[in-house]
Amino acid sequence: MASGLAAKRVLYEGRVQGIGFRFSAKEVAEGFEVVGWVKNLPDGRVQLEVQGQSSEVAAFLEAIEKSHLRAHIHRKVVVNIEPVQALKGFLIRH
């Protein structure tokens, strides 16, 4: 049974800038069949957008939660968004 396409926007709060969060998220993404991007926000949060099969998106987000980054995440907000087919790879945006 196919899980369908999913797209998520995740806002991470805590001590998530200046610790290599974006680079670590990109590295984690390489182990999954997902596309998207991650960037620092001016208010100190990190925004991540990811899309792919629902199971891959869920596994990717869980892998971030289980990585060394979890110690820096104090809160996260997950929002479902519409998938955008034009994305390729997983990028760090500035």
Protein backbone atom coordinates (compact mmCIF):
# COMPACT_ATOMS: atom_id res chain seq x y z
CA MET A 1 0.00 0.00 0.00
CA ALA A 2 1.48 3.36 -1.01
CA SER A 3 1.64 5.92 1.74
CA GLY A 4 1.04 8.94 -0.50
CA LEU A 5 2.90 12.19 -0.83
CA ALA A 6 3.42 14.37 2.23
CA ALA A 7 4.91 17.80 2.74
CA LYS A 8 5.74 19.34 6.12
CA ARG A 9 7.02 22.66 7.39
CA VAL A 10 8.78 22.31 10.73
CA LEU A 11 9.88 25.23 12.90
CA TYR A 12 12.49 24.28 15.48
CA GLU A 13 13.02 26.45 18.55
CA GLY A 14 15.78 26.31 21.13
CA ARG A 15 19.52 26.62 20.73
CA VAL A 16 19.27 25.62 17.07
CA GLN A 17 21.48 28.22 15.38
CA GLY A 18 25.26 28.27 15.48
CA ILE A 19 25.49 24.53 16.19
CA GLY A 20 25.49 23.12 12.65
CA PHE A 21 21.77 22.29 12.69
CA ARG A 22 21.28 23.00 8.98
CA PHE A 23 24.29 20.94 7.93
CA SER A 24 23.27 18.07 10.20
CA ALA A 25 19.70 18.12 8.85
CA LYS A 26 21.05 17.99 5.29
CA GLU A 27 23.29 15.06 6.23
CA VAL A 28 20.34 13.19 7.81
CA ALA A 29 18.24 13.88 4.68
CA GLU A 30 20.82 12.09 2.52
CA GLY A 31 19.70 8.81 4.10
CA PHE A 32 16.10 9.25 2.99
CA GLU A 33 14.19 9.73 -0.25
CA VAL A 34 13.03 13.24 0.58
CA VAL A 35 13.49 16.68 -0.94
CA GLY A 36 13.33 20.07 0.70
CA TRP A 37 15.36 22.72 2.41
CA VAL A 38 16.41 24.13 5.77
CA LYS A 39 17.30 27.69 6.78
CA ASN A 40 17.93 29.92 9.80
CA LEU A 41 15.26 32.49 10.59
CA PRO A 42 16.03 36.00 11.92
CA ASP A 43 14.21 35.25 15.20
CA GLY A 44 16.59 32.38 16.12
CA ARG A 45 14.45 29.49 14.91
CA VAL A 46 15.28 27.06 12.11
CA GLN A 47 12.71 26.36 9.38
CA LEU A 48 12.73 23.04 7.56
CA GLU A 49 10.49 22.07 4.66
CA VAL A 50 10.45 18.48 3.50
CA GLN A 51 8.40 16.40 1.10
CA GLY A 52 8.29 12.85 -0.16
CA GLN A 53 6.35 9.68 0.55
CA SER A 54 4.60 9.97 3.93
CA SER A 55 6.65 7.13 5.42
CA GLU A 56 9.96 8.68 4.28
CA VAL A 57 9.02 12.14 5.60
CA ALA A 58 8.00 10.67 8.96
CA ALA A 59 11.18 8.58 9.20
CA PHE A 60 13.36 11.58 8.29
CA LEU A 61 11.76 13.82 10.93
CA GLU A 62 12.08 11.03 13.51
CA ALA A 63 15.77 10.62 12.62
CA ILE A 64 16.34 14.32 13.33
CA GLU A 65 14.58 13.89 16.70
CA LYS A 66 16.84 10.93 17.54
CA SER A 67 20.06 12.61 16.38
CA HIS A 68 22.41 14.73 18.46
CA LEU A 69 20.24 17.73 17.51
CA ARG A 70 17.52 16.67 19.99
CA ALA A 71 19.48 18.20 22.87
CA HIS A 72 19.16 21.62 21.22
CA ILE A 73 15.48 21.45 20.26
CA HIS A 74 13.19 22.83 22.96
CA ARG A 75 10.06 23.03 20.85
CA LYS A 76 8.95 22.21 17.34
CA VAL A 77 5.89 23.15 15.36
CA VAL A 78 4.88 20.91 12.45
CA VAL A 79 2.49 22.16 9.76
CA ASN A 80 1.20 20.23 6.75
CA ILE A 81 1.79 22.12 3.52
CA GLU A 82 1.03 21.47 -0.12
CA PRO A 83 3.70 19.44 -1.96
CA VAL A 84 5.67 21.30 -4.61
CA GLN A 85 6.88 18.95 -7.33
CA ALA A 86 9.66 21.29 -8.54
CA LEU A 87 11.99 20.64 -5.60
CA LYS A 88 15.15 18.61 -6.22
CA GLY A 89 17.47 17.36 -3.48
CA PHE A 90 17.74 18.77 0.01
CA LEU A 91 19.29 22.24 0.27
CA ILE A 92 20.57 24.67 2.84
CA ARG A 93 19.03 28.07 2.17
CA HIS A 94 20.53 31.33 3.33
